[in-house]
Amino acid sequence: MRWLTMAQQISSPLNKRLYSLKESAEYLGRSDWGMRELIWSRSIPVVKPEGGRKIFVDIVDLEAFIDKNKSYYH
């Protein structure tokens, strides 16, 4: 079985759009707490289903965060 990287999975339209906190952190290369800090600072919005406790992050928002924080190394 061939395992796909997260970037390869995103290009497929059949993959999920919402990622758990842990999956989101892995995608950005951060720790779970680092991801929480981004959420708490309102750098990345979350999706919280009504009546649920779990939070999810939209892959579109993860991609927007990456694009917004790109820069050239000095």
N, C-alpha and C. Protein backbone atom coordinates (compact mmCIF):
# COMPACT_ATOMS: atom_id res chain seq x y z
N MET A 1 0.85 -1.19 0.00
CA MET A 1 0.00 0.00 0.00
C MET A 1 0.89 1.25 0.00
N ARG A 2 0.54 2.20 -0.79
CA ARG A 2 1.31 3.44 -0.89
C ARG A 2 0.68 4.50 0.01
N TRP A 3 1.50 5.07 0.88
CA TRP A 3 1.01 6.14 1.76
C TRP A 3 1.26 7.48 1.10
N LEU A 4 0.26 8.35 1.12
CA LEU A 4 0.37 9.65 0.50
C LEU A 4 0.73 10.71 1.52
N THR A 5 1.48 11.70 1.10
CA THR A 5 1.75 12.83 1.98
C THR A 5 0.48 13.67 2.08
N MET A 6 0.43 14.53 3.07
CA MET A 6 -0.75 15.38 3.26
C MET A 6 -0.99 16.24 2.03
N ALA A 7 0.08 16.78 1.43
CA ALA A 7 -0.09 17.63 0.24
C ALA A 7 -0.67 16.84 -0.92
N GLN A 8 -0.25 15.58 -1.08
CA GLN A 8 -0.79 14.76 -2.15
C GLN A 8 -2.26 14.44 -1.90
N GLN A 9 -2.64 14.26 -0.65
CA GLN A 9 -4.02 13.95 -0.32
C GLN A 9 -4.93 15.12 -0.62
N ILE A 10 -4.45 16.32 -0.41
CA ILE A 10 -5.27 17.52 -0.62
C ILE A 10 -5.66 17.66 -2.09
N SER A 11 -4.78 17.26 -2.99
CA SER A 11 -5.06 17.44 -4.41
C SER A 11 -6.19 16.55 -4.89
N SER A 12 -6.55 15.53 -4.13
CA SER A 12 -7.63 14.65 -4.52
C SER A 12 -8.96 15.20 -4.01
N PRO A 13 -9.96 15.33 -4.89
CA PRO A 13 -11.24 15.89 -4.46
C PRO A 13 -12.03 14.97 -3.53
N LEU A 14 -11.64 13.72 -3.39
CA LEU A 14 -12.38 12.79 -2.56
C LEU A 14 -11.94 12.79 -1.11
N ASN A 15 -10.93 13.54 -0.76
CA ASN A 15 -10.44 13.57 0.60
C ASN A 15 -11.22 14.57 1.45
N LYS A 16 -11.14 14.36 2.74
CA LYS A 16 -11.91 15.21 3.65
C LYS A 16 -11.41 16.65 3.66
N ARG A 17 -12.27 17.54 4.07
CA ARG A 17 -11.96 18.95 4.10
C ARG A 17 -11.62 19.42 5.51
N LEU A 18 -12.23 18.81 6.52
CA LEU A 18 -11.99 19.21 7.91
C LEU A 18 -11.00 18.27 8.56
N TYR A 19 -10.05 18.86 9.27
CA TYR A 19 -9.00 18.10 9.94
C TYR A 19 -9.06 18.34 11.45
N SER A 20 -8.75 17.31 12.19
CA SER A 20 -8.72 17.42 13.65
C SER A 20 -7.58 18.34 14.06
N LEU A 21 -7.55 18.69 15.32
CA LEU A 21 -6.49 19.54 15.84
C LEU A 21 -5.13 18.88 15.60
N LYS A 22 -5.04 17.59 15.90
CA LYS A 22 -3.79 16.87 15.73
C LYS A 22 -3.36 16.81 14.26
N GLU A 23 -4.29 16.51 13.38
CA GLU A 23 -3.98 16.46 11.95
C GLU A 23 -3.55 17.83 11.43
N SER A 24 -4.23 18.87 11.91
CA SER A 24 -3.88 20.24 11.50
C SER A 24 -2.48 20.60 11.96
N ALA A 25 -2.16 20.23 13.18
CA ALA A 25 -0.83 20.50 13.72
C ALA A 25 0.23 19.78 12.89
N GLU A 26 -0.01 18.53 12.55
CA GLU A 26 0.93 17.77 11.72
C GLU A 26 1.10 18.44 10.36
N TYR A 27 0.01 18.89 9.79
CA TYR A 27 0.05 19.52 8.47
C TYR A 27 0.95 20.75 8.48
N LEU A 28 0.87 21.54 9.57
CA LEU A 28 1.69 22.75 9.66
C LEU A 28 3.05 22.51 10.29
N GLY A 29 3.30 21.28 10.74
CA GLY A 29 4.58 20.99 11.36
C GLY A 29 4.72 21.59 12.75
N ARG A 30 3.61 21.66 13.46
CA ARG A 30 3.59 22.25 14.80
C ARG A 30 3.15 21.20 15.81
N SER A 31 3.34 21.52 17.07
CA SER A 31 2.84 20.65 18.13
C SER A 31 1.35 20.92 18.31
N ASP A 32 0.67 20.06 19.06
CA ASP A 32 -0.75 20.29 19.35
C ASP A 32 -0.93 21.62 20.06
N TRP A 33 -0.05 21.91 21.02
CA TRP A 33 -0.17 23.17 21.76
C TRP A 33 0.16 24.37 20.87
N GLY A 34 1.09 24.19 19.96
CA GLY A 34 1.39 25.27 19.01
C GLY A 34 0.18 25.57 18.13
N MET A 35 -0.53 24.52 17.76
CA MET A 35 -1.75 24.70 16.96
C MET A 35 -2.82 25.40 17.79
N ARG A 36 -2.96 25.00 19.05
CA ARG A 36 -3.93 25.66 19.93
C ARG A 36 -3.63 27.15 20.06
N GLU A 37 -2.34 27.50 20.16
CA GLU A 37 -1.96 28.91 20.27
C GLU A 37 -2.37 29.69 19.02
N LEU A 38 -2.23 29.08 17.85
CA LEU A 38 -2.68 29.74 16.62
C LEU A 38 -4.19 29.97 16.64
N ILE A 39 -4.91 29.00 17.17
CA ILE A 39 -6.36 29.11 17.26
C ILE A 39 -6.75 30.17 18.28
N TRP A 40 -6.13 30.12 19.46
CA TRP A 40 -6.45 31.08 20.52
C TRP A 40 -6.11 32.51 20.12
N SER A 41 -5.05 32.68 19.31
CA SER A 41 -4.67 34.03 18.88
C SER A 41 -5.49 34.49 17.66
N ARG A 42 -6.42 33.64 17.25
CA ARG A 42 -7.29 33.92 16.10
C ARG A 42 -6.53 34.03 14.79
N SER A 43 -5.42 33.32 14.70
CA SER A 43 -4.67 33.28 13.44
C SER A 43 -5.30 32.28 12.48
N ILE A 44 -5.99 31.27 13.03
CA ILE A 44 -6.66 30.26 12.23
C ILE A 44 -8.05 30.02 12.84
N PRO A 45 -9.11 30.13 12.04
CA PRO A 45 -10.46 29.86 12.56
C PRO A 45 -10.72 28.36 12.69
N VAL A 46 -11.72 28.02 13.47
CA VAL A 46 -12.08 26.61 13.67
C VAL A 46 -13.54 26.38 13.30
N VAL A 47 -13.84 25.12 13.11
CA VAL A 47 -15.23 24.68 12.89
C VAL A 47 -15.57 23.83 14.10
N LYS A 48 -16.64 24.23 14.80
CA LYS A 48 -17.08 23.48 15.97
C LYS A 48 -18.53 23.08 15.75
N PRO A 49 -18.76 21.79 15.49
CA PRO A 49 -20.13 21.36 15.27
C PRO A 49 -21.02 21.67 16.48
N GLU A 50 -22.24 22.06 16.20
CA GLU A 50 -23.19 22.42 17.25
C GLU A 50 -23.35 21.28 18.26
N GLY A 51 -23.20 21.60 19.52
CA GLY A 51 -23.37 20.61 20.57
C GLY A 51 -22.17 19.71 20.78
N GLY A 52 -21.15 19.85 19.94
CA GLY A 52 -19.96 19.00 20.06
C GLY A 52 -18.84 19.70 20.82
N ARG A 53 -17.90 18.90 21.26
CA ARG A 53 -16.74 19.46 21.97
C ARG A 53 -15.52 19.53 21.07
N LYS A 54 -15.46 18.67 20.07
CA LYS A 54 -14.30 18.64 19.19
C LYS A 54 -14.30 19.85 18.27
N ILE A 55 -13.09 20.28 17.92
CA ILE A 55 -12.95 21.36 16.94
C ILE A 55 -12.21 20.81 15.74
N PHE A 56 -12.49 21.40 14.60
CA PHE A 56 -11.86 21.01 13.35
C PHE A 56 -11.35 22.25 12.65
N VAL A 57 -10.38 22.05 11.78
CA VAL A 57 -9.82 23.14 11.00
C VAL A 57 -10.02 22.82 9.52
N ASP A 58 -10.51 23.80 8.81
CA ASP A 58 -10.75 23.67 7.38
C ASP A 58 -9.42 23.73 6.64
N ILE A 59 -9.18 22.81 5.73
CA ILE A 59 -7.94 22.78 4.97
C ILE A 59 -7.73 24.07 4.19
N VAL A 60 -8.80 24.71 3.79
CA VAL A 60 -8.71 25.98 3.08
C VAL A 60 -8.08 27.04 3.98
N ASP A 61 -8.44 27.03 5.27
CA ASP A 61 -7.86 27.99 6.22
C ASP A 61 -6.39 27.68 6.51
N LEU A 62 -6.03 26.40 6.53
CA LEU A 62 -4.62 26.04 6.71
C LEU A 62 -3.79 26.54 5.53
N GLU A 63 -4.31 26.34 4.33
CA GLU A 63 -3.61 26.81 3.13
C GLU A 63 -3.51 28.34 3.12
N ALA A 64 -4.57 29.02 3.53
CA ALA A 64 -4.56 30.49 3.59
C ALA A 64 -3.53 30.98 4.60
N PHE A 65 -3.43 30.28 5.74
CA PHE A 65 -2.44 30.65 6.76
C PHE A 65 -1.03 30.52 6.19
N ILE A 66 -0.78 29.44 5.47
CA ILE A 66 0.54 29.24 4.87
C ILE A 66 0.84 30.35 3.87
N ASP A 67 -0.11 30.63 2.99
CA ASP A 67 0.10 31.68 1.98
C ASP A 67 0.32 33.04 2.62
N LYS A 68 -0.42 33.34 3.66
CA LYS A 68 -0.30 34.63 4.34
C LYS A 68 1.04 34.79 5.03
N ASN A 69 1.63 33.70 5.48
CA ASN A 69 2.87 33.76 6.26
C ASN A 69 4.12 33.44 5.45
N LYS A 70 4.00 33.38 4.15
CA LYS A 70 5.17 33.15 3.32
C LYS A 70 6.02 34.42 3.26
N SER A 71 7.31 34.23 3.25
CA SER A 71 8.22 35.37 3.09
C SER A 71 9.54 34.85 2.53
N TYR A 72 10.39 35.77 2.17
CA TYR A 72 11.72 35.42 1.69
C TYR A 72 12.68 35.45 2.86
N TYR A 73 13.60 34.52 2.87
CA TYR A 73 14.58 34.45 3.94
C TYR A 73 15.66 35.49 3.69
N HIS A 74 15.99 36.26 4.70
CA HIS A 74 17.01 37.31 4.56
C HIS A 74 18.35 36.77 4.95
